[in-house]
């Protein structure tokens, strides 16, 4: 075998052995699989119309902040769907439970199929998984009542980790808990608007 052919064979074997040793890709969702609670009320009607996220975060690979401005994009851990689509559904699910309403959905108000009392728009400034610490959340939200009255609010906090600091499922769980916390803050304002 001539020298170039040997080099080509060695390179091919090296690539095959590298591929064989690569860990499998694991896909995650923020939905923790909790079954939806039955709701007894049909009010209020809420359409979660959108969730804007920075492009840095809304990508298929999990983004981890390690320190300062250093980020790691994981090749092994990926989101099963874009966060900008999953987050509105989860916020809608949480709001439905918190406000005991069966008329909460993540879709444009005109497509809801029920009378919409409130439209909710979310604009995430930050949703960073910080390795070993927790999830930094900063989200601006706007609730618009059908009367035209609106409230602008902000949820900003760090959601601590509740398990092994560098375990990816623990980080994803903290992100889900953070979304539930945001929904709780929004639900309080919607309840106040409903009673006023």
Protein backbone atom coordinates (compact mmCIF):
# COMPACT_ATOMS: atom_id res chain seq x y z
CA UNK A 1 0.00 0.00 0.00
CA UNK A 2 1.46 3.39 -0.94
CA UNK A 3 2.03 6.18 1.59
CA UNK A 4 -1.03 8.42 0.70
CA UNK A 5 -3.35 5.40 0.83
CA UNK A 6 -2.02 4.46 4.30
CA UNK A 7 -2.61 8.01 5.54
CA UNK A 8 -6.15 7.98 4.18
CA UNK A 9 -6.88 4.65 5.91
CA UNK A 10 -5.46 5.92 9.23
CA UNK A 11 -7.52 9.12 9.01
CA UNK A 12 -10.70 7.15 8.25
CA UNK A 13 -10.09 4.79 11.19
CA UNK A 14 -9.44 7.75 13.51
CA UNK A 15 -12.73 9.37 12.47
CA UNK A 16 -14.66 6.13 12.96
CA UNK A 17 -13.22 5.57 16.41
CA UNK A 18 -14.01 9.17 17.41
CA UNK A 19 -17.62 8.78 16.25
CA UNK A 20 -18.02 5.48 18.08
CA UNK A 21 -16.94 7.07 21.36
CA UNK A 22 -19.23 10.12 21.16
CA UNK A 23 -22.01 10.13 23.77
CA UNK A 24 -25.55 9.98 22.44
CA UNK A 25 -27.57 13.17 22.12
CA UNK A 26 -30.21 13.57 24.86
CA UNK A 27 -33.31 15.71 24.27
CA UNK A 28 -35.03 17.69 26.99
CA UNK A 29 -38.33 19.46 27.42
CA UNK A 30 -39.34 21.96 30.08
CA UNK A 31 -42.64 20.12 30.47
CA UNK A 32 -42.19 18.03 33.61
CA UNK A 33 -44.99 15.64 32.64
CA UNK A 34 -47.36 16.65 35.43
CA UNK A 35 -50.90 15.93 34.27
CA UNK A 36 -53.09 19.01 33.95
CA UNK A 37 -55.42 19.60 36.87
CA UNK A 38 -59.13 19.65 36.17
CA UNK A 39 -60.47 23.19 36.24
CA UNK A 40 -63.91 24.10 37.45
CA UNK A 41 -64.17 27.65 36.11
CA UNK A 42 -64.37 29.05 32.59
CA UNK A 43 -63.04 32.50 33.49
CA UNK A 44 -60.84 34.28 32.93
CA UNK A 45 -60.11 33.64 29.26
CA UNK A 46 -56.41 34.20 28.57
CA UNK A 47 -54.40 34.00 25.36
CA UNK A 48 -50.62 33.78 25.85
CA UNK A 49 -49.81 35.33 22.51
CA UNK A 50 -46.01 35.15 22.45
CA UNK A 51 -42.73 34.67 24.28
CA UNK A 52 -39.72 36.52 22.88
CA UNK A 53 -36.34 35.13 23.87
CA UNK A 54 -32.82 36.27 23.04
CA UNK A 55 -31.38 34.34 20.08
CA UNK A 56 -28.54 33.29 22.37
CA UNK A 57 -30.99 31.16 24.38
CA UNK A 58 -33.58 30.14 21.81
CA UNK A 59 -31.54 27.50 20.01
CA UNK A 60 -31.63 23.73 19.87
CA UNK A 61 -28.56 23.18 22.05
CA UNK A 62 -28.70 23.84 25.79
CA UNK A 63 -26.76 26.96 26.71
CA UNK A 64 -24.90 26.95 30.01
CA UNK A 65 -23.25 29.99 31.58
CA UNK A 66 -20.17 28.97 33.54
CA UNK A 67 -18.72 32.25 34.75
CA UNK A 68 -18.97 35.90 33.75
CA UNK A 69 -19.45 36.06 30.00
CA UNK A 70 -18.32 32.48 29.27
CA UNK A 71 -20.97 30.23 27.69
CA UNK A 72 -21.01 26.59 26.71
CA UNK A 73 -23.32 25.28 24.00
CA UNK A 74 -23.87 21.60 24.61
CA UNK A 75 -23.60 19.17 21.72
CA UNK A 76 -24.92 16.32 23.88
CA UNK A 77 -27.95 18.05 25.44
CA UNK A 78 -30.61 19.61 23.22
CA UNK A 79 -34.13 20.99 23.44
CA UNK A 80 -36.83 18.86 21.86
CA UNK A 81 -38.51 22.00 20.43
CA UNK A 82 -37.83 25.74 20.30
CA UNK A 83 -38.29 27.44 23.68
CA UNK A 84 -40.26 30.31 22.10
CA UNK A 85 -43.01 27.75 21.35
CA UNK A 86 -42.81 25.64 24.50
CA UNK A 87 -42.68 28.43 27.09
CA UNK A 88 -46.06 30.01 26.18
CA UNK A 89 -47.76 26.60 26.49
CA UNK A 90 -46.27 25.99 29.93
CA UNK A 91 -47.13 29.50 31.15
CA UNK A 92 -50.69 28.95 29.86
CA UNK A 93 -50.89 25.60 31.65
CA UNK A 94 -49.69 27.15 34.91
CA UNK A 95 -52.05 30.13 34.63
CA UNK A 96 -54.97 27.80 34.01
CA UNK A 97 -54.16 25.91 37.20
CA UNK A 98 -53.43 29.00 39.29
CA UNK A 99 -56.59 30.82 38.19
CA UNK A 100 -58.74 27.66 37.97
CA UNK A 101 -59.71 28.42 34.37
CA UNK A 102 -60.19 26.01 31.49
CA UNK A 103 -59.99 28.90 28.99
CA UNK A 104 -56.25 29.56 28.89
CA UNK A 105 -54.25 28.80 25.75
CA UNK A 106 -51.00 29.66 24.04
CA UNK A 107 -52.11 31.01 20.67
CA UNK A 108 -53.18 34.23 18.96
CA UNK A 109 -56.30 35.69 20.61
CA UNK A 110 -58.34 35.47 17.39
CA UNK A 111 -57.67 31.71 17.19
CA UNK A 112 -58.63 30.91 20.79
CA UNK A 113 -62.16 29.68 20.12
CA UNK A 114 -63.39 31.35 23.30
CA UNK A 115 -63.87 34.90 24.56
CA UNK A 116 -60.47 36.28 25.51
CA UNK A 117 -60.46 38.50 28.59
CA UNK A 118 -56.69 38.95 28.69
CA UNK A 119 -53.81 38.80 26.23
CA UNK A 120 -50.36 38.09 27.65
CA UNK A 121 -47.04 38.81 25.94
CA UNK A 122 -43.69 37.78 27.45
CA UNK A 123 -40.32 39.28 26.61
CA UNK A 124 -37.44 37.39 28.21
CA UNK A 125 -34.34 39.47 28.81
CA UNK A 126 -32.61 36.57 30.52
CA UNK A 127 -33.24 32.87 31.07
CA UNK A 128 -29.71 31.73 31.81
CA UNK A 129 -28.76 28.37 33.30
CA UNK A 130 -25.75 29.19 35.48
CA UNK A 131 -23.65 26.11 36.21
CA UNK A 132 -23.56 25.25 39.90
CA UNK A 133 -25.82 28.14 40.91
CA UNK A 134 -29.27 28.20 39.35
CA UNK A 135 -31.31 29.95 36.68
CA UNK A 136 -31.23 33.71 36.23
CA UNK A 137 -34.60 34.98 35.03
CA UNK A 138 -35.55 38.45 33.88
CA UNK A 139 -38.81 38.70 31.95
CA UNK A 140 -40.97 41.68 31.08
CA UNK A 141 -44.63 40.90 30.59
CA UNK A 142 -47.67 42.78 29.46
CA UNK A 143 -51.25 41.87 30.32
CA UNK A 144 -53.90 43.57 28.21
CA UNK A 145 -57.54 43.41 29.34
CA UNK A 146 -60.29 43.41 26.72
CA UNK A 147 -61.33 46.86 28.03
CA UNK A 148 -57.99 48.25 26.88
CA UNK A 149 -56.55 48.53 30.38
CA UNK A 150 -53.11 46.96 30.65
CA UNK A 151 -50.45 46.14 33.21
CA UNK A 152 -46.75 45.91 32.52
CA UNK A 153 -44.77 43.83 34.99
CA UNK A 154 -41.36 42.33 35.47
CA UNK A 155 -40.20 39.11 37.10
CA UNK A 156 -36.51 39.10 37.94
CA UNK A 157 -34.86 36.54 40.23
CA UNK A 158 -32.45 33.62 40.53
CA UNK A 159 -34.08 30.21 40.85
CA UNK A 160 -31.72 28.00 42.88
CA UNK A 161 -30.91 24.42 41.95
CA UNK A 162 -32.52 21.72 44.05
CA UNK A 163 -30.16 18.84 43.32
CA UNK A 164 -26.68 18.03 42.00
CA UNK A 165 -25.15 21.32 40.90
CA UNK A 166 -23.79 20.16 37.54
CA UNK A 167 -26.55 17.70 36.66
CA UNK A 168 -28.39 18.79 33.49
CA UNK A 169 -31.80 17.38 34.54
CA UNK A 170 -31.50 19.46 37.74
CA UNK A 171 -30.80 22.59 35.72
CA UNK A 172 -33.78 21.92 33.42
CA UNK A 173 -35.96 21.31 36.50
CA UNK A 174 -34.87 24.69 37.91
CA UNK A 175 -35.83 26.33 34.60
CA UNK A 176 -39.30 24.77 34.85
CA UNK A 177 -39.66 25.93 38.46
CA UNK A 178 -38.64 29.42 37.36
CA UNK A 179 -41.42 29.49 34.74
CA UNK A 180 -43.96 28.40 37.35
CA UNK A 181 -42.76 31.25 39.58
CA UNK A 182 -43.19 33.76 36.73
CA UNK A 183 -46.72 32.43 36.10
CA UNK A 184 -47.54 32.84 39.81
CA UNK A 185 -46.54 36.51 39.72
CA UNK A 186 -48.57 37.10 36.56
CA UNK A 187 -51.59 35.26 37.99
CA UNK A 188 -51.68 37.63 40.98
CA UNK A 189 -51.96 40.65 38.67
CA UNK A 190 -54.61 38.99 36.50
CA UNK A 191 -56.63 38.10 39.60
CA UNK A 192 -56.40 41.72 40.78
CA UNK A 193 -57.53 42.98 37.38
CA UNK A 194 -60.43 40.52 37.35
CA UNK A 195 -61.65 41.75 40.74
CA UNK A 196 -61.30 45.46 39.96
